[in-house]
């Protein structure tokens, strides 16, 4: 797969999340399917924060020499950042806007910049290319969950993922 195709997969993430949350009744976004499972609202808030963190990490790798990229505790963010009350429409809009912003940046880079490295505080050395791939697959992982959850709530949509 070419670099431009990978960037396109990343760019498609915004419209895919808009689609995956479309026609979703407000009454369904806060219904957990089982004990300990996140609601749709919480998953979308997590996706936004994760993607914003990912964008910050990628920008550091692009702009700085081997920056330190800090880990974060997603469960603590869920518990302490009020994901249960995050506005769905705002969350989806922020995610889509962030993907557009980062796509603009990524599209301007020469191919050799995707080999630039940062040092993750838990996992060690990472390249810009590996960060980009991580955030593409992270969205697909949660879209799989989201489509399954919608189906279980009686609001199914035909699934779409970044590979298409």
N, C-alpha and C. Protein backbone atom coordinates (compact mmCIF):
# COMPACT_ATOMS: atom_id res chain seq x y z
N UNK A 1 0.85 -1.17 0.00
CA UNK A 1 0.00 0.00 0.00
C UNK A 1 0.90 1.24 0.00
N UNK A 2 0.58 2.18 -0.85
CA UNK A 2 1.39 3.39 -0.95
C UNK A 2 1.13 4.32 0.24
N UNK A 3 2.05 5.23 0.46
CA UNK A 3 1.91 6.21 1.53
C UNK A 3 0.65 7.04 1.34
N UNK A 4 0.36 7.45 0.13
CA UNK A 4 -0.85 8.26 -0.11
C UNK A 4 -2.12 7.45 0.21
N UNK A 5 -2.09 6.14 -0.03
CA UNK A 5 -3.25 5.30 0.31
C UNK A 5 -3.41 5.18 1.83
N UNK A 6 -2.30 5.10 2.55
CA UNK A 6 -2.36 5.03 4.01
C UNK A 6 -2.93 6.34 4.57
N UNK A 7 -2.44 7.45 4.05
CA UNK A 7 -2.95 8.75 4.50
C UNK A 7 -4.44 8.88 4.18
N UNK A 8 -4.85 8.36 3.04
CA UNK A 8 -6.27 8.39 2.68
C UNK A 8 -7.10 7.56 3.66
N UNK A 9 -6.59 6.41 4.06
CA UNK A 9 -7.29 5.59 5.07
C UNK A 9 -7.45 6.39 6.37
N UNK A 10 -6.40 7.08 6.78
CA UNK A 10 -6.47 7.91 7.98
C UNK A 10 -7.53 9.01 7.78
N UNK A 11 -7.48 9.68 6.65
CA UNK A 11 -8.42 10.77 6.36
C UNK A 11 -9.86 10.29 6.37
N UNK A 12 -10.10 9.08 5.89
CA UNK A 12 -11.46 8.54 5.84
C UNK A 12 -12.06 8.31 7.22
N UNK A 13 -11.24 8.35 8.26
CA UNK A 13 -11.73 8.10 9.61
C UNK A 13 -12.81 9.05 10.06
N UNK A 14 -12.68 10.32 9.73
CA UNK A 14 -13.70 11.30 10.13
C UNK A 14 -15.07 10.98 9.55
N UNK A 15 -15.16 10.89 8.22
CA UNK A 15 -16.46 10.54 7.62
C UNK A 15 -16.99 9.18 8.10
N UNK A 16 -16.09 8.24 8.36
CA UNK A 16 -16.55 6.93 8.83
C UNK A 16 -17.19 7.02 10.21
N UNK A 17 -16.61 7.83 11.10
CA UNK A 17 -17.21 7.98 12.42
C UNK A 17 -18.54 8.73 12.33
N UNK A 18 -18.61 9.72 11.47
CA UNK A 18 -19.87 10.43 11.24
C UNK A 18 -20.94 9.42 10.80
N UNK A 19 -20.59 8.59 9.83
CA UNK A 19 -21.52 7.57 9.35
C UNK A 19 -21.91 6.59 10.46
N UNK A 20 -20.92 6.09 11.19
CA UNK A 20 -21.17 5.06 12.21
C UNK A 20 -22.06 5.55 13.35
N UNK A 21 -22.12 6.86 13.54
CA UNK A 21 -22.95 7.41 14.61
C UNK A 21 -24.24 8.04 14.07
N UNK A 22 -24.44 7.96 12.75
CA UNK A 22 -25.63 8.57 12.15
C UNK A 22 -26.90 7.80 12.51
N UNK A 23 -27.97 8.54 12.55
CA UNK A 23 -29.30 7.96 12.82
C UNK A 23 -29.31 7.13 14.10
N UNK A 24 -28.53 7.55 15.05
CA UNK A 24 -28.44 6.85 16.32
C UNK A 24 -29.32 7.58 17.33
N UNK A 25 -30.40 6.94 17.78
CA UNK A 25 -31.28 7.62 18.74
C UNK A 25 -30.54 7.97 20.04
N UNK A 26 -30.77 9.16 20.54
CA UNK A 26 -30.15 9.61 21.79
C UNK A 26 -30.43 8.63 22.93
N UNK A 27 -31.58 7.98 22.87
CA UNK A 27 -31.95 7.03 23.93
C UNK A 27 -31.05 5.79 23.96
N UNK A 28 -30.27 5.56 22.90
CA UNK A 28 -29.43 4.35 22.83
C UNK A 28 -27.96 4.61 23.20
N UNK A 29 -27.51 5.85 23.17
CA UNK A 29 -26.09 6.11 23.32
C UNK A 29 -25.55 5.86 24.72
N UNK A 30 -26.42 5.76 25.70
CA UNK A 30 -25.97 5.56 27.08
C UNK A 30 -26.35 4.19 27.64
N UNK A 31 -26.79 3.28 26.79
CA UNK A 31 -27.18 1.95 27.24
C UNK A 31 -26.00 0.99 27.17
N UNK A 32 -25.51 0.54 28.32
CA UNK A 32 -24.47 -0.50 28.26
C UNK A 32 -25.11 -1.84 27.89
N UNK A 33 -24.40 -2.64 27.14
CA UNK A 33 -24.89 -3.96 26.75
C UNK A 33 -24.64 -4.96 27.87
N UNK A 34 -23.56 -4.79 28.58
CA UNK A 34 -23.24 -5.71 29.66
C UNK A 34 -22.43 -5.02 30.73
N UNK A 35 -22.23 -5.70 31.85
CA UNK A 35 -21.47 -5.11 32.96
C UNK A 35 -20.04 -4.76 32.54
N UNK A 36 -19.62 -3.57 32.91
CA UNK A 36 -18.26 -3.15 32.63
C UNK A 36 -18.00 -2.68 31.21
N UNK A 37 -19.01 -2.74 30.36
CA UNK A 37 -18.81 -2.30 28.97
C UNK A 37 -19.10 -0.82 28.85
N UNK A 38 -18.34 -0.17 28.00
CA UNK A 38 -18.54 1.25 27.76
C UNK A 38 -19.79 1.47 26.91
N UNK A 39 -20.43 2.60 27.11
CA UNK A 39 -21.56 2.99 26.27
C UNK A 39 -21.01 3.57 24.96
N UNK A 40 -21.89 3.75 24.01
CA UNK A 40 -21.48 4.37 22.74
C UNK A 40 -20.93 5.77 23.00
N UNK A 41 -21.59 6.54 23.85
CA UNK A 41 -21.11 7.89 24.17
C UNK A 41 -19.68 7.85 24.72
N UNK A 42 -19.41 6.91 25.61
CA UNK A 42 -18.08 6.79 26.20
C UNK A 42 -17.04 6.37 25.17
N UNK A 43 -17.41 5.46 24.27
CA UNK A 43 -16.48 5.03 23.22
C UNK A 43 -16.12 6.21 22.31
N UNK A 44 -17.11 7.01 21.95
CA UNK A 44 -16.85 8.15 21.06
C UNK A 44 -15.97 9.18 21.76
N UNK A 45 -16.22 9.45 23.04
CA UNK A 45 -15.38 10.39 23.80
C UNK A 45 -13.95 9.85 23.88
N UNK A 46 -13.81 8.55 24.10
CA UNK A 46 -12.48 7.93 24.13
C UNK A 46 -11.78 8.09 22.77
N UNK A 47 -12.50 7.86 21.69
CA UNK A 47 -11.90 8.00 20.36
C UNK A 47 -11.39 9.42 20.14
N UNK A 48 -12.16 10.41 20.57
CA UNK A 48 -11.73 11.80 20.41
C UNK A 48 -10.44 12.05 21.18
N UNK A 49 -10.42 11.69 22.46
CA UNK A 49 -9.22 11.95 23.25
C UNK A 49 -8.02 11.16 22.74
N UNK A 50 -8.24 9.93 22.34
CA UNK A 50 -7.15 9.13 21.80
C UNK A 50 -6.61 9.75 20.52
N UNK A 51 -7.51 10.17 19.64
CA UNK A 51 -7.07 10.76 18.38
C UNK A 51 -6.36 12.09 18.58
N UNK A 52 -6.82 12.88 19.54
CA UNK A 52 -6.13 14.14 19.84
C UNK A 52 -4.74 13.86 20.40
N UNK A 53 -4.62 12.84 21.26
CA UNK A 53 -3.30 12.44 21.75
C UNK A 53 -2.43 11.95 20.60
N UNK A 54 -3.02 11.16 19.71
CA UNK A 54 -2.27 10.66 18.57
C UNK A 54 -1.77 11.78 17.67
N UNK A 55 -2.62 12.77 17.44
CA UNK A 55 -2.22 13.91 16.62
C UNK A 55 -1.07 14.67 17.27
N UNK A 56 -1.17 14.86 18.58
CA UNK A 56 -0.09 15.55 19.30
C UNK A 56 1.21 14.77 19.20
N UNK A 57 1.13 13.46 19.34
CA UNK A 57 2.34 12.62 19.22
C UNK A 57 2.93 12.72 17.82
N UNK A 58 2.08 12.61 16.80
CA UNK A 58 2.58 12.68 15.44
C UNK A 58 3.22 14.04 15.16
N UNK A 59 2.59 15.12 15.62
CA UNK A 59 3.16 16.45 15.41
C UNK A 59 4.50 16.60 16.11
N UNK A 60 4.64 16.05 17.29
CA UNK A 60 5.93 16.10 18.00
C UNK A 60 7.01 15.36 17.19
N UNK A 61 6.66 14.18 16.68
CA UNK A 61 7.63 13.41 15.90
C UNK A 61 8.01 14.17 14.63
N UNK A 62 7.07 14.83 14.02
CA UNK A 62 7.35 15.61 12.81
C UNK A 62 8.24 16.81 13.12
N UNK A 63 7.94 17.51 14.20
CA UNK A 63 8.58 18.80 14.46
C UNK A 63 9.81 18.75 15.35
N UNK A 64 9.94 17.73 16.19
CA UNK A 64 11.02 17.69 17.17
C UNK A 64 11.94 16.50 16.91
N UNK A 65 13.12 16.55 17.47
CA UNK A 65 14.08 15.44 17.33
C UNK A 65 13.88 14.44 18.46
N UNK A 66 13.41 13.26 18.12
CA UNK A 66 13.18 12.15 19.04
C UNK A 66 12.50 12.59 20.35
N UNK A 67 11.32 13.18 20.23
CA UNK A 67 10.62 13.65 21.43
C UNK A 67 10.13 12.50 22.30
N UNK A 68 9.93 12.80 23.56
CA UNK A 68 9.29 11.85 24.47
C UNK A 68 7.79 11.95 24.28
N UNK A 69 7.14 10.81 24.10
CA UNK A 69 5.69 10.75 23.90
C UNK A 69 5.09 10.07 25.12
N UNK A 70 4.32 10.81 25.87
CA UNK A 70 3.80 10.31 27.15
C UNK A 70 2.60 9.39 26.96
N UNK A 71 2.61 8.30 27.73
CA UNK A 71 1.46 7.40 27.80
C UNK A 71 0.37 8.05 28.65
N UNK A 72 -0.83 7.52 28.58
CA UNK A 72 -1.90 7.97 29.47
C UNK A 72 -2.77 6.77 29.81
N UNK A 73 -3.51 6.89 30.88
CA UNK A 73 -4.36 5.82 31.39
C UNK A 73 -5.79 6.04 30.91
N UNK A 74 -6.20 5.31 29.87
CA UNK A 74 -7.52 5.54 29.28
C UNK A 74 -8.66 5.28 30.28
N UNK A 75 -8.47 4.36 31.21
CA UNK A 75 -9.51 4.11 32.21
C UNK A 75 -9.66 5.29 33.17
N UNK A 76 -8.54 5.91 33.52
CA UNK A 76 -8.59 7.10 34.38
C UNK A 76 -9.26 8.26 33.64
N UNK A 77 -8.96 8.38 32.35
CA UNK A 77 -9.60 9.44 31.56
C UNK A 77 -11.11 9.21 31.51
N UNK A 78 -11.52 7.97 31.31
CA UNK A 78 -12.96 7.63 31.30
C UNK A 78 -13.59 8.04 32.62
N UNK A 79 -12.95 7.70 33.71
CA UNK A 79 -13.52 7.95 35.04
C UNK A 79 -13.49 9.43 35.42
N UNK A 80 -12.44 10.14 35.04
CA UNK A 80 -12.25 11.50 35.56
C UNK A 80 -12.64 12.62 34.59
N UNK A 81 -12.86 12.30 33.30
CA UNK A 81 -13.13 13.36 32.32
C UNK A 81 -14.58 13.38 31.86
N UNK A 82 -15.44 12.76 32.62
CA UNK A 82 -16.90 12.82 32.41
C UNK A 82 -17.33 12.39 31.00
N UNK A 83 -16.75 11.30 30.53
CA UNK A 83 -17.14 10.76 29.23
C UNK A 83 -18.64 10.45 29.17
N UNK A 84 -19.24 10.13 30.30
CA UNK A 84 -20.66 9.76 30.32
C UNK A 84 -21.57 10.91 29.90
N UNK A 85 -21.05 12.14 29.94
CA UNK A 85 -21.87 13.30 29.56
C UNK A 85 -21.30 14.07 28.38
N UNK A 86 -20.35 13.48 27.68
CA UNK A 86 -19.75 14.16 26.52
C UNK A 86 -20.79 14.29 25.41
N UNK A 87 -20.97 15.49 24.85
CA UNK A 87 -21.95 15.66 23.76
C UNK A 87 -21.51 14.89 22.51
N UNK A 88 -22.34 13.98 22.06
CA UNK A 88 -22.00 13.13 20.90
C UNK A 88 -21.69 13.97 19.66
N UNK A 89 -22.53 14.91 19.35
CA UNK A 89 -22.34 15.69 18.13
C UNK A 89 -21.01 16.43 18.16
N UNK A 90 -20.67 17.03 19.29
CA UNK A 90 -19.39 17.73 19.42
C UNK A 90 -18.23 16.75 19.32
N UNK A 91 -18.35 15.60 19.97
CA UNK A 91 -17.28 14.61 19.96
C UNK A 91 -16.97 14.16 18.53
N UNK A 92 -18.01 13.85 17.78
CA UNK A 92 -17.82 13.39 16.39
C UNK A 92 -17.25 14.52 15.54
N UNK A 93 -17.72 15.74 15.74
CA UNK A 93 -17.23 16.88 14.96
C UNK A 93 -15.75 17.15 15.25
N UNK A 94 -15.36 17.05 16.51
CA UNK A 94 -13.95 17.28 16.88
C UNK A 94 -13.07 16.20 16.26
N UNK A 95 -13.52 14.96 16.34
CA UNK A 95 -12.76 13.85 15.74
C UNK A 95 -12.56 14.10 14.25
N UNK A 96 -13.65 14.41 13.55
CA UNK A 96 -13.57 14.62 12.09
C UNK A 96 -12.68 15.81 11.75
N UNK A 97 -12.78 16.90 12.51
CA UNK A 97 -11.95 18.08 12.26
C UNK A 97 -10.48 17.78 12.52
N UNK A 98 -10.19 17.03 13.57
CA UNK A 98 -8.81 16.67 13.87
C UNK A 98 -8.23 15.82 12.75
N UNK A 99 -9.01 14.88 12.23
CA UNK A 99 -8.51 14.06 11.12
C UNK A 99 -8.23 14.91 9.89
N UNK A 100 -9.09 15.88 9.60
CA UNK A 100 -8.85 16.77 8.45
C UNK A 100 -7.57 17.58 8.67
N UNK A 101 -7.39 18.11 9.87
CA UNK A 101 -6.21 18.92 10.19
C UNK A 101 -4.93 18.12 10.03
N UNK A 102 -4.94 16.91 10.60
CA UNK A 102 -3.74 16.08 10.53
C UNK A 102 -3.48 15.57 9.11
N UNK A 103 -4.52 15.30 8.36
CA UNK A 103 -4.36 14.86 6.97
C UNK A 103 -3.66 15.95 6.17
N UNK A 104 -4.03 17.19 6.42
CA UNK A 104 -3.38 18.31 5.73
C UNK A 104 -1.89 18.30 6.03
N UNK A 105 -1.53 18.11 7.30
CA UNK A 105 -0.12 18.09 7.69
C UNK A 105 0.60 16.89 7.08
N UNK A 106 0.02 15.71 7.26
CA UNK A 106 0.66 14.48 6.77
C UNK A 106 0.86 14.50 5.26
N UNK A 107 -0.08 15.10 4.55
CA UNK A 107 -0.01 15.13 3.09
C UNK A 107 1.12 16.02 2.56
N UNK A 108 1.65 16.89 3.40
CA UNK A 108 2.71 17.80 2.95
C UNK A 108 4.11 17.22 3.16
N UNK A 109 4.21 16.10 3.86
CA UNK A 109 5.51 15.57 4.26
C UNK A 109 6.16 14.71 3.18
N UNK A 110 7.48 14.79 3.07
CA UNK A 110 8.17 13.85 2.18
C UNK A 110 8.17 12.46 2.83
N UNK A 111 8.26 11.44 2.01
CA UNK A 111 8.18 10.05 2.49
C UNK A 111 9.19 9.76 3.60
N UNK A 112 10.38 10.32 3.51
CA UNK A 112 11.41 10.02 4.52
C UNK A 112 11.01 10.50 5.92
N UNK A 113 10.11 11.47 6.03
CA UNK A 113 9.69 11.93 7.35
C UNK A 113 8.90 10.87 8.12
N UNK A 114 8.35 9.91 7.43
CA UNK A 114 7.57 8.87 8.12
C UNK A 114 8.48 7.88 8.86
N UNK A 115 9.79 8.01 8.66
CA UNK A 115 10.77 7.22 9.42
C UNK A 115 11.25 7.96 10.67
N UNK A 116 10.83 9.23 10.83
CA UNK A 116 11.22 9.99 12.03
C UNK A 116 10.71 9.26 13.27
N UNK A 117 11.44 9.42 14.38
CA UNK A 117 11.14 8.64 15.58
C UNK A 117 10.88 9.51 16.80
N UNK A 118 10.05 8.95 17.68
CA UNK A 118 9.85 9.49 19.01
C UNK A 118 10.05 8.35 19.99
N UNK A 119 10.12 8.69 21.27
CA UNK A 119 10.30 7.68 22.31
C UNK A 119 9.07 7.67 23.20
N UNK A 120 8.27 6.61 23.08
CA UNK A 120 7.07 6.47 23.90
C UNK A 120 7.48 6.09 25.31
N UNK A 121 6.84 6.69 26.31
CA UNK A 121 7.24 6.50 27.70
C UNK A 121 7.06 5.07 28.21
N UNK A 122 6.25 4.27 27.52
CA UNK A 122 6.06 2.88 27.93
C UNK A 122 6.59 1.87 26.92
N UNK A 123 6.43 2.16 25.64
CA UNK A 123 6.77 1.15 24.62
C UNK A 123 8.08 1.41 23.90
N UNK A 124 8.71 2.56 24.15
CA UNK A 124 9.99 2.85 23.52
C UNK A 124 9.87 3.53 22.17
N UNK A 125 10.81 3.24 21.28
CA UNK A 125 10.93 3.91 20.00
C UNK A 125 9.74 3.61 19.08
N UNK A 126 9.19 4.68 18.49
CA UNK A 126 8.11 4.56 17.51
C UNK A 126 8.38 5.52 16.36
N UNK A 127 7.98 5.12 15.17
CA UNK A 127 8.13 5.99 14.00
C UNK A 127 6.81 6.69 13.71
N UNK A 128 6.90 7.73 12.91
CA UNK A 128 5.68 8.42 12.47
C UNK A 128 4.78 7.44 11.72
N UNK A 129 5.36 6.59 10.89
CA UNK A 129 4.58 5.60 10.14
C UNK A 129 3.84 4.66 11.08
N UNK A 130 4.50 4.22 12.15
CA UNK A 130 3.83 3.29 13.07
C UNK A 130 2.74 3.99 13.87
N UNK A 131 2.94 5.26 14.19
CA UNK A 131 1.88 6.01 14.88
C UNK A 131 0.66 6.17 13.97
N UNK A 132 0.91 6.51 12.72
CA UNK A 132 -0.19 6.66 11.76
C UNK A 132 -0.97 5.35 11.64
N UNK A 133 -0.27 4.25 11.50
CA UNK A 133 -0.93 2.94 11.40
C UNK A 133 -1.72 2.63 12.68
N UNK A 134 -1.16 2.97 13.82
CA UNK A 134 -1.83 2.70 15.10
C UNK A 134 -3.18 3.40 15.17
N UNK A 135 -3.26 4.65 14.75
CA UNK A 135 -4.51 5.39 14.87
C UNK A 135 -5.52 5.00 13.79
N UNK A 136 -5.05 4.48 12.68
CA UNK A 136 -5.97 3.91 11.69
C UNK A 136 -6.62 2.65 12.27
N UNK A 137 -5.80 1.76 12.78
CA UNK A 137 -6.34 0.49 13.30
C UNK A 137 -7.11 0.69 14.60
N UNK A 138 -6.76 1.69 15.38
CA UNK A 138 -7.50 1.97 16.61
C UNK A 138 -8.95 2.33 16.28
N UNK A 139 -9.14 3.17 15.27
CA UNK A 139 -10.50 3.51 14.87
C UNK A 139 -11.24 2.27 14.38
N UNK A 140 -10.61 1.47 13.52
CA UNK A 140 -11.27 0.26 13.03
C UNK A 140 -11.67 -0.67 14.18
N UNK A 141 -10.80 -0.80 15.17
CA UNK A 141 -11.10 -1.63 16.35
C UNK A 141 -12.38 -1.14 17.02
N UNK A 142 -12.49 0.16 17.23
CA UNK A 142 -13.68 0.69 17.91
C UNK A 142 -14.91 0.75 17.00
N UNK A 143 -14.70 0.87 15.70
CA UNK A 143 -15.85 0.79 14.79
C UNK A 143 -16.47 -0.61 14.84
N UNK A 144 -15.64 -1.62 14.90
CA UNK A 144 -16.14 -3.00 15.04
C UNK A 144 -17.02 -3.10 16.28
N UNK A 145 -16.54 -2.58 17.39
CA UNK A 145 -17.31 -2.58 18.64
C UNK A 145 -18.60 -1.77 18.47
N UNK A 146 -18.48 -0.59 17.86
CA UNK A 146 -19.63 0.29 17.70
C UNK A 146 -20.72 -0.33 16.84
N UNK A 147 -20.33 -0.95 15.72
CA UNK A 147 -21.34 -1.59 14.86
C UNK A 147 -22.00 -2.76 15.58
N UNK A 148 -21.23 -3.54 16.34
CA UNK A 148 -21.80 -4.64 17.12
C UNK A 148 -22.76 -4.13 18.17
N UNK A 149 -22.37 -3.07 18.86
CA UNK A 149 -23.21 -2.48 19.90
C UNK A 149 -24.51 -1.94 19.28
N UNK A 150 -24.39 -1.27 18.16
CA UNK A 150 -25.60 -0.76 17.48
C UNK A 150 -26.54 -1.91 17.13
N UNK A 151 -25.97 -2.99 16.62
CA UNK A 151 -26.78 -4.14 16.26
C UNK A 151 -27.50 -4.70 17.49
N UNK A 152 -26.77 -4.83 18.59
CA UNK A 152 -27.37 -5.33 19.83
C UNK A 152 -28.45 -4.41 20.38
N UNK A 153 -28.38 -3.13 20.04
CA UNK A 153 -29.38 -2.16 20.51
C UNK A 153 -30.53 -1.98 19.51
N UNK A 154 -30.49 -2.72 18.41
CA UNK A 154 -31.55 -2.63 17.42
C UNK A 154 -31.44 -1.44 16.49
N UNK A 155 -30.24 -0.89 16.32
CA UNK A 155 -30.03 0.27 15.45
C UNK A 155 -28.89 0.01 14.46
N UNK A 156 -28.86 -1.19 13.90
CA UNK A 156 -27.74 -1.63 13.05
C UNK A 156 -27.60 -0.79 11.79
N UNK A 157 -26.35 -0.66 11.35
CA UNK A 157 -25.99 -0.04 10.06
C UNK A 157 -25.06 -1.00 9.35
N UNK A 158 -25.03 -1.02 8.01
CA UNK A 158 -24.01 -1.81 7.31
C UNK A 158 -22.64 -1.23 7.64
N UNK A 159 -21.71 -2.04 8.13
CA UNK A 159 -20.41 -1.53 8.56
C UNK A 159 -19.55 -0.98 7.44
N UNK A 160 -18.76 0.03 7.76
CA UNK A 160 -17.74 0.59 6.89
C UNK A 160 -16.49 0.79 7.72
N UNK A 161 -15.34 0.46 7.15
CA UNK A 161 -14.07 0.59 7.85
C UNK A 161 -13.08 1.34 6.98
N UNK A 162 -11.91 1.71 7.55
CA UNK A 162 -10.97 2.54 6.82
C UNK A 162 -10.39 1.85 5.59
N UNK A 163 -10.41 0.52 5.57
CA UNK A 163 -9.83 -0.21 4.43
C UNK A 163 -10.65 -0.04 3.16
N UNK A 164 -11.84 0.46 3.26
CA UNK A 164 -12.69 0.59 2.07
C UNK A 164 -12.70 1.99 1.55
